[in-house]
N, C-alpha and C. Protein backbone atom coordinates (compact mmCIF):
# COMPACT_ATOMS: atom_id res chain seq x y z
N MET A 1 35.83 11.39 149.11
CA MET A 1 36.72 12.45 149.78
C MET A 1 38.27 12.01 150.11
N MET A 2 38.40 10.93 150.07
CA MET A 2 39.68 9.57 150.11
C MET A 2 40.27 10.54 148.74
N ARG A 3 39.33 10.07 147.85
CA ARG A 3 40.14 10.42 146.13
C ARG A 3 40.59 11.76 146.03
N LEU A 4 40.29 12.99 147.08
CA LEU A 4 40.65 13.65 147.03
C LEU A 4 42.16 14.26 147.55
N LEU A 5 42.51 13.10 148.71
CA LEU A 5 43.90 13.13 149.66
C LEU A 5 44.78 12.26 149.20
N GLY A 6 44.50 11.60 147.70
CA GLY A 6 45.02 11.12 146.96
C GLY A 6 44.86 9.38 147.10
N GLY A 7 43.96 9.16 147.71
CA GLY A 7 43.47 7.48 147.83
C GLY A 7 43.10 6.94 146.64
N LYS A 8 43.35 5.62 146.62
CA LYS A 8 43.12 4.81 144.85
C LYS A 8 41.64 4.02 145.28
N THR A 9 40.76 4.14 144.12
CA THR A 9 39.74 3.34 144.50
C THR A 9 39.83 1.80 144.48
N LEU A 10 40.98 1.04 143.69
CA LEU A 10 41.20 -0.17 143.69
C LEU A 10 41.65 -0.32 144.89
N ALA A 11 41.91 -1.73 145.75
CA ALA A 11 43.39 -1.77 146.44
C ALA A 11 44.50 -2.04 145.55
N VAL A 12 45.39 -1.73 146.19
CA VAL A 12 46.90 -2.09 145.39
C VAL A 12 47.92 -2.87 146.66
N ASP A 13 48.11 -3.46 146.07
CA ASP A 13 49.57 -4.39 146.56
C ASP A 13 50.50 -3.56 147.09
N SER A 14 50.29 -3.38 148.81
CA SER A 14 51.19 -2.15 149.06
C SER A 14 52.50 -2.61 148.68
N ALA A 15 53.19 -3.91 148.83
CA ALA A 15 54.55 -4.34 148.69
C ALA A 15 55.26 -3.78 147.10
N ALA A 16 54.11 -3.79 146.50
CA ALA A 16 54.63 -3.69 145.54
C ALA A 16 54.70 -2.59 144.60
N ALA A 17 53.80 -1.65 145.39
CA ALA A 17 54.02 -0.09 145.08
C ALA A 17 55.05 0.67 145.82
N ALA A 18 55.13 -0.67 146.99
CA ALA A 18 56.87 0.46 147.40
C ALA A 18 58.03 -0.19 147.30
N ALA A 19 58.42 -1.51 146.34
CA ALA A 19 59.27 -1.71 145.71
C ALA A 19 59.16 -0.73 144.15
N ALA A 20 58.11 -0.71 143.62
CA ALA A 20 58.18 0.10 142.33
C ALA A 20 58.56 1.25 142.30
N ALA A 21 58.15 2.30 143.80
CA ALA A 21 58.44 3.40 144.19
C ALA A 21 60.10 3.45 144.24
N ALA A 22 60.60 2.19 145.23
CA ALA A 22 62.45 2.41 145.05
C ALA A 22 62.74 2.46 143.92
N ALA A 23 62.42 2.08 142.96
CA ALA A 23 62.99 1.49 141.60
C ALA A 23 63.04 2.88 140.53
N ALA A 24 61.93 3.79 140.78
CA ALA A 24 61.67 4.95 140.40
C ALA A 24 62.81 6.00 140.82
N LYS A 25 62.91 5.69 142.16
CA LYS A 25 63.69 6.73 142.91
C LYS A 25 65.64 6.61 142.39
N LYS A 26 66.13 8.09 142.15
CA LYS A 26 67.25 7.89 141.84
C LYS A 26 67.96 7.66 142.91
N THR A 27 69.35 6.94 142.77
CA THR A 27 70.44 6.62 143.60
C THR A 27 70.80 8.11 144.39
N PHE A 28 70.81 7.96 145.77
CA PHE A 28 71.51 9.59 146.62
C PHE A 28 73.09 9.53 146.92
N ASP A 29 73.70 10.30 145.58
CA ASP A 29 75.13 10.82 145.46
C ASP A 29 75.54 11.62 146.52
N VAL A 30 76.40 11.48 147.61
CA VAL A 30 76.45 12.59 148.82
C VAL A 30 77.47 13.06 148.03
N ASN A 31 78.42 12.38 147.32
CA ASN A 31 79.63 13.53 146.48
C ASN A 31 79.35 14.75 145.63
N GLN A 32 77.67 14.36 144.33
CA GLN A 32 77.24 15.06 143.85
C GLN A 32 76.24 16.28 144.54
N VAL A 33 75.99 15.83 145.29
CA VAL A 33 74.80 16.66 146.44
C VAL A 33 75.58 17.76 147.10
N SER A 34 77.15 17.18 147.41
CA SER A 34 77.96 17.99 148.08
C SER A 34 78.45 19.48 147.02
N GLN A 35 78.99 19.06 145.90
CA GLN A 35 79.32 19.89 144.57
C GLN A 35 78.50 20.30 144.59
N GLU A 36 76.80 20.34 144.12
CA GLU A 36 75.77 21.17 144.06
C GLU A 36 75.49 21.75 144.92
N LEU A 37 75.79 21.87 146.22
CA LEU A 37 75.15 22.37 147.44
C LEU A 37 76.87 23.65 147.39
N GLU A 38 77.61 23.27 147.24
CA GLU A 38 78.92 24.47 146.85
C GLU A 38 79.15 25.06 145.89
N GLN A 39 78.76 24.69 144.72
CA GLN A 39 78.32 25.45 143.78
C GLN A 39 77.26 26.47 143.75
N GLN A 40 76.29 26.10 144.25
CA GLN A 40 74.97 26.90 144.69
C GLN A 40 75.22 28.49 146.30
N PHE A 41 76.30 27.72 147.10
CA PHE A 41 76.86 28.65 147.70
C PHE A 41 77.63 29.83 147.26
N LYS A 42 78.57 29.16 146.47
CA LYS A 42 79.50 29.85 145.75
C LYS A 42 79.35 31.20 144.72
N ALA A 43 78.06 30.84 144.21
CA ALA A 43 76.82 31.65 142.85
C ALA A 43 76.26 32.45 143.98
N GLY A 44 76.28 32.15 145.10
CA GLY A 44 75.27 33.12 146.09
C GLY A 44 75.89 34.21 147.00
N ILE A 45 77.39 34.12 147.09
CA ILE A 45 78.20 34.59 147.52
C ILE A 45 78.36 35.76 146.45
N HIS A 46 79.31 34.57 145.16
CA HIS A 46 79.47 36.05 144.56
C HIS A 46 78.45 36.71 143.91
N GLN A 47 77.09 36.93 143.93
CA GLN A 47 75.94 37.19 143.52
C GLN A 47 75.98 38.58 144.77
N LYS A 48 76.09 37.99 145.92
CA LYS A 48 75.83 39.06 147.32
C LYS A 48 77.34 40.47 147.28
N PHE A 49 78.20 39.76 146.96
CA PHE A 49 79.49 41.11 147.46
C PHE A 49 80.02 41.00 146.08
N ASP A 50 80.24 40.09 144.96
CA ASP A 50 81.00 40.59 143.58
C ASP A 50 80.42 41.13 142.61
N ALA A 51 79.36 41.08 142.80
CA ALA A 51 78.10 41.51 141.46
C ALA A 51 78.11 42.70 141.75
N GLY A 52 78.14 43.59 142.43
CA GLY A 52 77.63 44.90 142.76
C GLY A 52 76.84 45.40 142.55
N GLY A 53 76.30 46.67 142.55
CA GLY A 53 75.11 46.86 142.25
C GLY A 53 74.08 47.34 143.51
N GLN A 54 72.86 47.65 143.78
CA GLN A 54 72.00 47.54 144.89
C GLN A 54 71.58 46.46 145.50
N ARG A 55 72.07 46.18 146.41
CA ARG A 55 71.63 44.95 147.55
C ARG A 55 70.05 45.16 147.92
N ARG A 56 69.30 43.73 147.93
CA ARG A 56 68.34 43.66 147.64
C ARG A 56 67.82 42.77 148.78
N GLY A 57 66.67 42.75 149.36
CA GLY A 57 66.10 41.44 150.07
C GLY A 57 66.34 42.07 151.35
N LEU A 58 65.90 41.17 152.31
CA LEU A 58 66.20 41.17 153.77
C LEU A 58 67.38 40.21 154.27
N GLY A 59 68.36 41.14 155.29
CA GLY A 59 69.33 40.68 155.57
C GLY A 59 70.51 40.98 154.37
N ALA A 60 70.58 41.18 153.36
CA ALA A 60 71.47 41.58 152.23
C ALA A 60 72.48 43.04 152.61
């Protein structure tokens, strides 16, 4: 049952696993995330107002 929940059958050193997971993660760049969010926001506003056509969805 633990295997279905993501458990391992072999004992794994938790410190080594945590270090490997931290090395695998990309660094968090606030400026890049901010730029991507702003780009998505502008694309959404453009799609909602400037694209014309029939509005769709809830709250459109």
